[in-house]
Amino acid sequence: MPDGRIYLTREGDWVSLRTCDTIYMRKTNKTYWVNIDDNRQNPSIAFLPGPDRPEEISSYGTTFRDPNTAAIRLLGGQPTSPGTYMPMNELATCDAKPQGPTHFAGGLGSRKLETFIPSPTGQGGSWTLDPNFLGNQMQDNRTMHYTIILPTRQILIINGGNYDFYGPILYPVLLTPVFSNGSLTGYQQRRMSEGVEPRLYHNNAVLLPDGRVWVSGGNSTRATVHLASDLDARRTSSSQPLPDLSLVDLDMYFFRDGPMAKGEKGMLTTPTEDWVAEIYSPPYLFIDGKKRAKILGLQPTGNLNYEYQKEIAGKTYYLIHSGDSFNVRLADLPDNCSTTPALVLIKLPSATHGWQNGEQFFNLQFQDGGGTIRFTAPTVRDAICLPPST
């Protein structure tokens, strides 16, 4: 949070024993505030209860800080166990007491959106629930997906599936904020171009520095790896041995109703492990060139004690520490721009399991000098989670 506190939404669950009635699932709707004092040598940590969430569980959902409000949002996920056994007769119930489990049924995703609005002070706040935010059809259920905060204040929902390990959803959804009198009133949803590969469990999606979105990974089970007879020969005392990719069978696909197929019949399009990466280009990369200003260069307004500019693969990248000021020279400035210009920083995330760890959106104040803009990066106290200048 901006004041330095940490808020634990406590979404998620796990199943200790895989049973058809999911009675061993740990269900909770509790949330917590975490306060850490400023004593860096011996900090004290205090946990205090926050307001209850409207839903008990949200396994394999995703969470993001809304760049347009102070809200924290939980999107999608599974309301049931991700590993439920079912009898072969899919119409049977647990009360029928089948002879034994025969295959996994998987966990159907949800279409819900839970929103938390924190109070300005104290440990309070309130939750709301939209049970059908993503749509009214079963195909709108989504789990194991990511939400990417874009520089345009839009949200990109990408990857995932209707169930945990099968039923991939190939199309991203773009959420465009709608404002009235300066306040957010909701999001307009639009389906984007479909991807090629199924992105299920262990998939990944991150925003690249050039504005595109990297998409990779996804597995329905584990690929077949043949034993290596020369493993000891490849192992050294100083490093981990490199994988021998010739031993990995990447042509193994989900099929029939095997021990991990979870009831999916005849699915021949989902590889057990997906090693093919894709890059998605959001719509803002295709705005007419006359409406986009080209960056000619970035110069610090004072002396820096670090290298702030570097060429990597033919592109120029800049390192900006908090509290430092820069001048940005622009070319091809638009005439009679119909939108209000904005300058933002997005902290690149470390992503895992459908969660963008540390993804933050910062709106920067800047001065327009007619072809040159000047801005100062926020300090740690102004916007938490930025790296300090020292």
Protein backbone atom coordinates (compact mmCIF):
# COMPACT_ATOMS: atom_id res chain seq x y z
CA MET A 1 0.00 0.00 0.00
CA PRO A 2 1.19 3.62 -0.48
CA ASP A 3 1.68 4.05 3.27
CA GLY A 4 4.01 1.05 3.48
CA ARG A 5 1.55 -1.49 4.87
CA ILE A 6 1.08 -4.88 3.19
CA TYR A 7 -2.40 -6.29 2.59
CA LEU A 8 -2.84 -10.06 2.34
CA THR A 9 -5.95 -10.95 0.35
CA ARG A 10 -5.47 -14.61 1.27
CA GLU A 11 -7.06 -15.96 -1.87
CA GLY A 12 -6.20 -19.52 -2.83
CA ASP A 13 -6.51 -22.95 -1.30
CA TRP A 14 -4.98 -26.36 -1.42
CA VAL A 15 -6.27 -29.87 -1.01
CA SER A 16 -4.58 -32.13 1.51
CA LEU A 17 -6.43 -35.25 0.31
CA ARG A 18 -8.06 -35.54 -3.11
CA THR A 19 -11.63 -36.51 -2.42
CA CYS A 20 -14.79 -36.16 -4.46
CA ASP A 21 -16.46 -33.93 -1.89
CA THR A 22 -13.39 -31.68 -1.37
CA ILE A 23 -13.92 -31.76 2.39
CA TYR A 24 -10.18 -31.50 2.93
CA MET A 25 -9.89 -28.22 1.06
CA ARG A 26 -8.76 -25.37 3.27
CA LYS A 27 -11.44 -22.74 2.74
CA THR A 28 -10.99 -19.20 3.97
CA ASN A 29 -12.19 -15.68 3.27
CA LYS A 30 -9.99 -14.02 5.87
CA THR A 31 -7.66 -11.13 5.01
CA TYR A 32 -4.86 -9.52 7.00
CA TRP A 33 -2.94 -6.28 7.33
CA VAL A 34 0.81 -6.48 7.88
CA ASN A 35 2.64 -3.61 9.56
CA ILE A 36 6.44 -3.49 9.49
CA ASP A 37 8.21 -0.76 11.46
CA ASP A 38 11.17 1.30 10.23
CA ASN A 39 13.80 -0.44 12.38
CA ARG A 40 15.92 -2.06 9.67
CA GLN A 41 18.27 -3.73 12.16
CA ASN A 42 15.55 -5.48 14.15
CA PRO A 43 12.13 -4.82 12.57
CA SER A 44 8.93 -5.90 14.26
CA ILE A 45 6.04 -7.32 12.25
CA ALA A 46 2.41 -7.18 13.34
CA PHE A 47 -0.55 -8.98 11.74
CA LEU A 48 -4.03 -7.52 12.14
CA PRO A 49 -7.31 -8.88 10.71
CA GLY A 50 -8.87 -7.13 7.73
CA PRO A 51 -12.39 -7.35 6.32
CA ASP A 52 -13.63 -10.72 5.10
CA ARG A 53 -13.76 -11.40 1.37
CA PRO A 54 -17.15 -12.24 -0.18
CA GLU A 55 -15.89 -15.61 -1.54
CA GLU A 56 -14.22 -18.37 0.44
CA ILE A 57 -11.67 -19.53 -2.11
CA SER A 58 -10.17 -18.55 -5.43
CA SER A 59 -7.62 -21.17 -6.38
CA TYR A 60 -5.53 -20.28 -9.45
CA GLY A 61 -7.05 -16.83 -9.81
CA THR A 62 -5.04 -13.64 -10.22
CA THR A 63 -4.74 -10.37 -8.32
CA PHE A 64 -3.77 -6.88 -9.46
CA ARG A 65 -3.66 -3.32 -8.21
CA ASP A 66 -6.04 -1.27 -10.35
CA PRO A 67 -4.06 1.55 -12.03
CA ASN A 68 -7.22 3.70 -12.21
CA THR A 69 -8.37 3.52 -8.58
CA ALA A 70 -7.08 2.51 -5.18
CA ALA A 71 -8.77 -0.88 -5.59
CA ILE A 72 -7.25 -4.35 -5.36
CA ARG A 73 -9.00 -6.83 -7.64
CA LEU A 74 -9.21 -10.64 -7.62
CA LEU A 75 -10.24 -12.08 -10.99
CA GLY A 76 -11.34 -15.59 -11.91
CA GLY A 77 -9.96 -18.69 -10.25
CA GLN A 78 -11.54 -21.94 -9.17
CA PRO A 79 -14.30 -22.33 -6.60
CA THR A 80 -13.60 -26.05 -6.27
CA SER A 81 -10.66 -28.36 -5.81
CA PRO A 82 -8.04 -28.38 -8.58
CA GLY A 83 -7.59 -32.11 -8.09
CA THR A 84 -10.95 -33.77 -7.51
CA TYR A 85 -11.35 -37.48 -8.19
CA MET A 86 -14.56 -38.56 -9.87
CA PRO A 87 -16.08 -41.98 -10.58
CA MET A 88 -16.30 -43.20 -14.17
CA ASN A 89 -20.05 -42.57 -14.14
CA GLU A 90 -19.99 -38.78 -14.26
CA LEU A 91 -23.62 -38.62 -13.10
CA ALA A 92 -22.78 -40.38 -9.87
CA THR A 93 -22.32 -38.40 -6.65
CA CYS A 94 -20.23 -38.94 -3.60
CA ASP A 95 -23.31 -40.25 -1.79
CA ALA A 96 -23.46 -43.08 -4.33
CA LYS A 97 -20.22 -44.42 -2.82
CA PRO A 98 -18.53 -45.68 -6.01
CA GLN A 99 -16.07 -48.53 -5.84
CA GLY A 100 -13.18 -46.09 -6.25
CA PRO A 101 -12.02 -43.03 -8.12
CA THR A 102 -11.22 -43.63 -11.75
CA HIS A 103 -10.17 -40.25 -13.15
CA PHE A 104 -9.71 -36.60 -12.28
CA ALA A 105 -12.58 -34.22 -12.92
CA GLY A 106 -10.54 -31.06 -12.51
CA GLY A 107 -11.79 -27.76 -11.15
CA LEU A 108 -14.09 -25.53 -13.17
CA GLY A 109 -12.96 -21.90 -13.20
CA SER A 110 -15.11 -18.93 -12.26
CA ARG A 111 -16.19 -15.69 -13.90
CA LYS A 112 -16.14 -13.56 -10.77
CA LEU A 113 -14.44 -10.32 -9.83
CA GLU A 114 -13.83 -9.47 -6.18
CA THR A 115 -12.88 -5.84 -5.49
CA PHE A 116 -11.35 -4.43 -2.31
CA ILE A 117 -11.44 -0.69 -1.61
CA PRO A 118 -9.08 0.08 1.29
CA SER A 119 -9.90 2.77 3.79
CA PRO A 120 -7.54 5.77 3.82
CA THR A 121 -6.53 5.02 7.41
CA GLY A 122 -6.76 2.13 9.83
CA GLN A 123 -7.25 -1.51 8.99
CA GLY A 124 -10.64 -1.20 7.33
CA GLY A 125 -12.00 -1.34 3.83
CA SER A 126 -14.81 -3.10 1.99
CA TRP A 127 -15.21 -5.91 -0.55
CA THR A 128 -17.72 -6.22 -3.39
CA LEU A 129 -18.48 -9.18 -5.67
CA ASP A 130 -19.45 -9.34 -9.35
CA PRO A 131 -20.13 -13.07 -9.90
CA ASN A 132 -20.28 -12.83 -13.72
CA PHE A 133 -17.76 -10.14 -14.56
CA LEU A 134 -16.18 -12.15 -17.40
CA GLY A 135 -19.50 -13.27 -18.91
CA ASN A 136 -22.58 -15.41 -18.40
CA GLN A 137 -21.46 -18.57 -20.22
CA MET A 138 -19.43 -21.52 -19.01
CA GLN A 139 -16.84 -20.76 -21.67
CA ASP A 140 -16.14 -17.46 -19.88
CA ASN A 141 -14.79 -19.27 -16.82
CA ARG A 142 -11.09 -18.55 -16.43
CA THR A 143 -8.32 -19.93 -14.27
CA MET A 144 -4.50 -19.91 -14.38
CA HIS A 145 -4.48 -16.59 -16.23
CA TYR A 146 -2.58 -13.31 -15.87
CA THR A 147 -3.63 -9.68 -15.72
CA ILE A 148 -1.10 -7.30 -17.30
CA ILE A 149 -1.22 -3.59 -16.50
CA LEU A 150 -0.62 -1.69 -19.74
CA PRO A 151 0.83 1.85 -20.09
CA THR A 152 -2.58 3.05 -21.34
CA ARG A 153 -4.21 2.20 -17.98
CA GLN A 154 -5.85 -0.76 -19.68
CA ILE A 155 -5.79 -4.29 -18.24
CA LEU A 156 -4.97 -7.30 -20.40
CA ILE A 157 -6.34 -10.68 -19.30
CA ILE A 158 -4.31 -13.40 -21.02
CA ASN A 159 -3.64 -17.16 -20.87
CA GLY A 160 -5.43 -19.76 -18.76
CA GLY A 161 -8.35 -22.07 -19.34
CA ASN A 162 -11.85 -23.05 -18.27
CA TYR A 163 -10.37 -25.73 -16.03
CA ASP A 164 -7.03 -26.11 -14.36
CA PHE A 165 -5.17 -28.47 -16.70
CA TYR A 166 -7.32 -28.45 -19.80
CA GLY A 167 -9.88 -26.37 -21.70
CA PRO A 168 -7.46 -23.58 -22.78
CA ILE A 169 -8.79 -20.10 -23.53
CA LEU A 170 -6.78 -18.75 -26.45
CA TYR A 171 -8.22 -15.23 -26.68
CA PRO A 172 -7.04 -12.39 -24.41
CA VAL A 173 -9.55 -9.88 -23.05
CA LEU A 174 -8.72 -6.17 -23.03
CA LEU A 175 -10.30 -4.08 -20.25
CA THR A 176 -10.53 -0.39 -21.14
CA PRO A 177 -11.44 1.97 -18.28
CA VAL A 178 -14.52 4.15 -18.63
CA PHE A 179 -14.56 7.44 -16.73
CA SER A 180 -17.29 9.92 -15.81
CA ASN A 181 -16.32 13.28 -14.32
CA GLY A 182 -12.85 11.97 -13.63
CA SER A 183 -14.03 8.86 -11.75
CA LEU A 184 -13.84 5.26 -12.94
CA THR A 185 -17.31 3.85 -13.66
CA GLY A 186 -16.27 0.44 -15.02
CA TYR A 187 -14.41 -1.38 -17.76
CA GLN A 188 -15.32 -2.03 -21.37
CA GLN A 189 -14.39 -5.58 -22.38
CA ARG A 190 -13.13 -6.61 -25.80
CA ARG A 191 -11.84 -9.95 -27.02
CA MET A 192 -8.45 -9.75 -28.73
CA SER A 193 -6.78 -11.90 -31.39
CA GLU A 194 -6.35 -15.51 -30.34
CA GLY A 195 -3.00 -17.00 -29.47
CA VAL A 196 -1.74 -20.24 -30.98
CA GLU A 197 -0.60 -22.32 -28.03
CA PRO A 198 -2.65 -23.52 -25.02
CA ARG A 199 -1.39 -21.77 -21.91
CA LEU A 200 -2.43 -23.78 -18.88
CA TYR A 201 -0.62 -24.63 -15.64
CA HIS A 202 2.82 -22.99 -15.19
CA ASN A 203 2.28 -20.52 -18.03
CA ASN A 204 3.85 -17.06 -17.97
CA ALA A 205 3.06 -13.56 -19.25
CA VAL A 206 5.06 -10.37 -18.65
CA LEU A 207 5.10 -6.87 -20.10
CA LEU A 208 8.28 -6.20 -22.10
CA PRO A 209 10.12 -2.86 -22.02
CA ASP A 210 9.07 -2.15 -25.62
CA GLY A 211 5.35 -2.42 -24.78
CA ARG A 212 4.73 -5.94 -26.08
CA VAL A 213 3.70 -8.91 -23.92
CA TRP A 214 5.81 -12.06 -23.66
CA VAL A 215 3.80 -15.30 -23.35
CA SER A 216 5.34 -18.70 -22.69
CA GLY A 217 5.04 -21.98 -20.82
CA GLY A 218 2.00 -24.01 -19.89
CA ASN A 219 1.66 -27.69 -19.18
CA SER A 220 -1.18 -30.15 -18.75
CA THR A 221 1.09 -32.76 -17.20
CA ARG A 222 4.82 -33.49 -17.43
CA ALA A 223 6.75 -34.28 -20.58
CA THR A 224 8.41 -37.66 -20.98
CA VAL A 225 12.11 -37.47 -20.17
CA HIS A 226 14.32 -40.43 -21.06
CA LEU A 227 17.00 -41.41 -18.60
CA ALA A 228 20.49 -40.15 -19.33
CA SER A 229 23.33 -42.63 -18.94
CA ASP A 230 26.01 -39.94 -18.99
CA LEU A 231 24.55 -37.72 -16.25
CA ASP A 232 27.58 -38.11 -13.99
CA ALA A 233 29.89 -37.22 -16.87
CA ARG A 234 28.01 -33.99 -17.52
CA ARG A 235 27.94 -32.96 -13.84
CA THR A 236 30.70 -30.72 -12.55
CA SER A 237 31.57 -29.64 -9.04
CA SER A 238 30.96 -25.95 -9.79
CA SER A 239 27.73 -25.86 -11.76
CA GLN A 240 24.47 -27.64 -12.41
CA PRO A 241 24.57 -29.83 -15.54
CA LEU A 242 22.87 -28.38 -18.58
CA PRO A 243 19.70 -30.20 -19.63
CA ASP A 244 20.00 -32.56 -22.57
CA LEU A 245 17.00 -31.51 -24.66
CA SER A 246 17.37 -34.52 -26.91
CA LEU A 247 16.08 -36.63 -24.00
CA VAL A 248 12.81 -34.67 -23.69
CA ASP A 249 9.82 -35.88 -25.71
CA LEU A 250 8.04 -32.65 -26.67
CA ASP A 251 5.65 -34.45 -29.01
CA MET A 252 3.69 -36.04 -26.16
CA TYR A 253 0.11 -34.73 -26.02
CA PHE A 254 -2.91 -35.14 -23.77
CA PHE A 255 -5.06 -37.96 -25.09
CA ARG A 256 -7.87 -40.27 -24.02
CA ASP A 257 -8.63 -40.29 -20.32
CA GLY A 258 -5.30 -40.92 -18.72
CA PRO A 259 -4.48 -40.32 -15.06
CA MET A 260 -4.14 -36.57 -15.65
CA ALA A 261 -6.67 -36.05 -18.44
CA LYS A 262 -9.49 -35.34 -15.97
CA GLY A 263 -12.32 -36.54 -18.13
CA GLU A 264 -11.36 -34.73 -21.32
CA LYS A 265 -12.14 -37.06 -24.21
CA GLY A 266 -10.08 -37.09 -27.38
CA MET A 267 -8.15 -33.90 -26.69
CA LEU A 268 -5.22 -34.10 -29.09
CA THR A 269 -4.21 -30.45 -29.19
CA THR A 270 -2.67 -29.83 -25.77
CA PRO A 271 0.99 -30.77 -25.34
CA THR A 272 2.04 -32.11 -21.96
CA GLU A 273 4.60 -29.31 -21.83
CA ASP A 274 4.57 -26.24 -24.07
CA TRP A 275 8.04 -24.95 -24.92
CA VAL A 276 6.88 -22.53 -27.63
CA ALA A 277 6.88 -18.81 -26.79
CA GLU A 278 4.67 -16.13 -28.32
CA ILE A 279 4.67 -12.34 -28.28
CA TYR A 280 1.42 -10.39 -28.18
CA SER A 281 1.30 -6.81 -29.48
CA PRO A 282 -1.43 -4.70 -27.77
CA PRO A 283 -3.55 -2.33 -29.87
CA TYR A 284 -1.69 0.78 -28.72
CA LEU A 285 1.35 -0.31 -30.75
CA PHE A 286 -0.68 0.24 -33.93
CA ILE A 287 -1.87 3.80 -33.33
CA ASP A 288 -1.26 6.02 -36.35
CA GLY A 289 2.29 7.34 -36.28
CA LYS A 290 1.20 10.98 -36.37
CA LYS A 291 -0.39 10.55 -32.96
CA ARG A 292 2.67 9.03 -31.30
CA ALA A 293 5.75 10.98 -30.26
CA LYS A 294 9.11 9.34 -30.93
CA ILE A 295 11.70 9.48 -28.15
CA LEU A 296 14.96 10.99 -29.42
CA GLY A 297 16.85 10.72 -26.16
CA LEU A 298 16.82 10.97 -22.40
CA GLN A 299 19.26 13.11 -20.42
CA PRO A 300 19.62 13.53 -16.64
CA THR A 301 19.27 17.05 -15.29
CA GLY A 302 22.16 16.48 -12.87
CA ASN A 303 25.15 14.23 -12.31
CA LEU A 304 24.43 10.55 -11.73
CA ASN A 305 26.65 8.00 -10.02
CA TYR A 306 25.49 5.13 -12.20
CA GLU A 307 25.27 4.20 -15.87
CA TYR A 308 21.75 5.16 -16.92
CA GLN A 309 21.86 4.27 -20.65
CA LYS A 310 22.79 1.06 -22.44
CA GLU A 311 22.44 -0.50 -25.87
CA ILE A 312 21.02 -4.04 -25.81
CA ALA A 313 20.28 -5.92 -29.04
CA GLY A 314 20.11 -2.72 -31.02
CA LYS A 315 17.73 -0.95 -28.65
CA THR A 316 18.41 1.75 -26.08
CA TYR A 317 17.36 1.11 -22.49
CA TYR A 318 17.47 3.54 -19.57
CA LEU A 319 17.99 2.93 -15.86
CA ILE A 320 16.08 5.39 -13.70
CA HIS A 321 16.51 5.58 -9.94
CA SER A 322 13.88 7.08 -7.68
CA GLY A 323 14.26 10.78 -7.01
CA ASP A 324 16.29 11.51 -10.16
CA SER A 325 15.14 14.01 -12.81
CA PHE A 326 15.40 13.64 -16.58
CA ASN A 327 14.70 15.55 -19.77
CA VAL A 328 13.12 13.56 -22.61
CA ARG A 329 13.45 14.92 -26.15
CA LEU A 330 10.55 14.05 -28.42
CA ALA A 331 9.98 14.22 -32.18
CA ASP A 332 6.84 14.13 -34.29
CA LEU A 333 4.71 15.71 -31.60
CA PRO A 334 0.98 15.40 -32.42
CA ASP A 335 -1.01 18.46 -33.39
CA ASN A 336 -4.40 19.07 -31.78
CA CYS A 337 -4.16 15.92 -29.71
CA SER A 338 -7.64 14.81 -28.68
CA THR A 339 -6.45 13.04 -25.54
CA THR A 340 -4.72 14.29 -22.43
CA PRO A 341 -1.01 13.38 -22.58
CA ALA A 342 0.31 11.20 -19.79
CA LEU A 343 3.64 9.83 -18.63
CA VAL A 344 3.74 6.61 -16.63
CA LEU A 345 6.21 4.18 -15.15
CA ILE A 346 5.46 0.47 -14.89
CA LYS A 347 7.62 -1.65 -12.62
CA LEU A 348 8.41 -4.82 -14.52
CA PRO A 349 7.18 -7.90 -12.64
CA SER A 350 8.50 -11.25 -11.63
CA ALA A 351 5.69 -13.60 -12.62
CA THR A 352 4.75 -17.05 -11.40
CA HIS A 353 1.56 -19.12 -11.14
CA GLY A 354 -0.71 -16.41 -12.54
CA TRP A 355 0.52 -13.71 -10.20
CA GLN A 356 2.54 -10.62 -11.11
CA ASN A 357 4.85 -10.20 -8.15
CA GLY A 358 5.55 -6.50 -7.72
CA GLU A 359 3.82 -5.15 -10.82
CA GLN A 360 3.16 -1.48 -10.08
CA PHE A 361 1.78 1.44 -12.09
CA PHE A 362 3.00 4.99 -11.39
CA ASN A 363 1.54 8.13 -12.93
CA LEU A 364 4.30 10.74 -13.28
CA GLN A 365 3.95 14.48 -13.14
CA PHE A 366 5.87 16.20 -15.94
CA GLN A 367 6.57 19.60 -17.46
CA ASP A 368 6.00 20.09 -21.18
CA GLY A 369 8.61 22.32 -22.80
CA GLY A 370 7.56 22.02 -26.43
CA GLY A 371 9.51 19.06 -27.74
CA THR A 372 11.08 18.28 -24.36
CA ILE A 373 9.43 17.01 -21.22
CA ARG A 374 10.97 16.91 -17.75
CA PHE A 375 9.99 14.50 -15.00
CA THR A 376 11.24 13.35 -11.62
CA ALA A 377 10.96 9.70 -10.68
CA PRO A 378 8.98 9.15 -7.44
CA THR A 379 10.86 8.49 -4.24
CA VAL A 380 10.32 5.40 -2.13
CA ARG A 381 8.15 7.37 0.29
CA ASP A 382 6.05 8.83 -2.53
CA ALA A 383 5.36 5.45 -4.14
CA ILE A 384 6.25 2.28 -2.29
CA CYS A 385 8.05 -0.56 -4.11
CA LEU A 386 10.31 1.62 -6.27
CA PRO A 387 14.03 0.86 -5.92
CA PRO A 388 15.85 3.51 -3.86
CA SER A 389 18.54 5.74 -5.36
CA THR A 390 21.08 4.62 -2.76
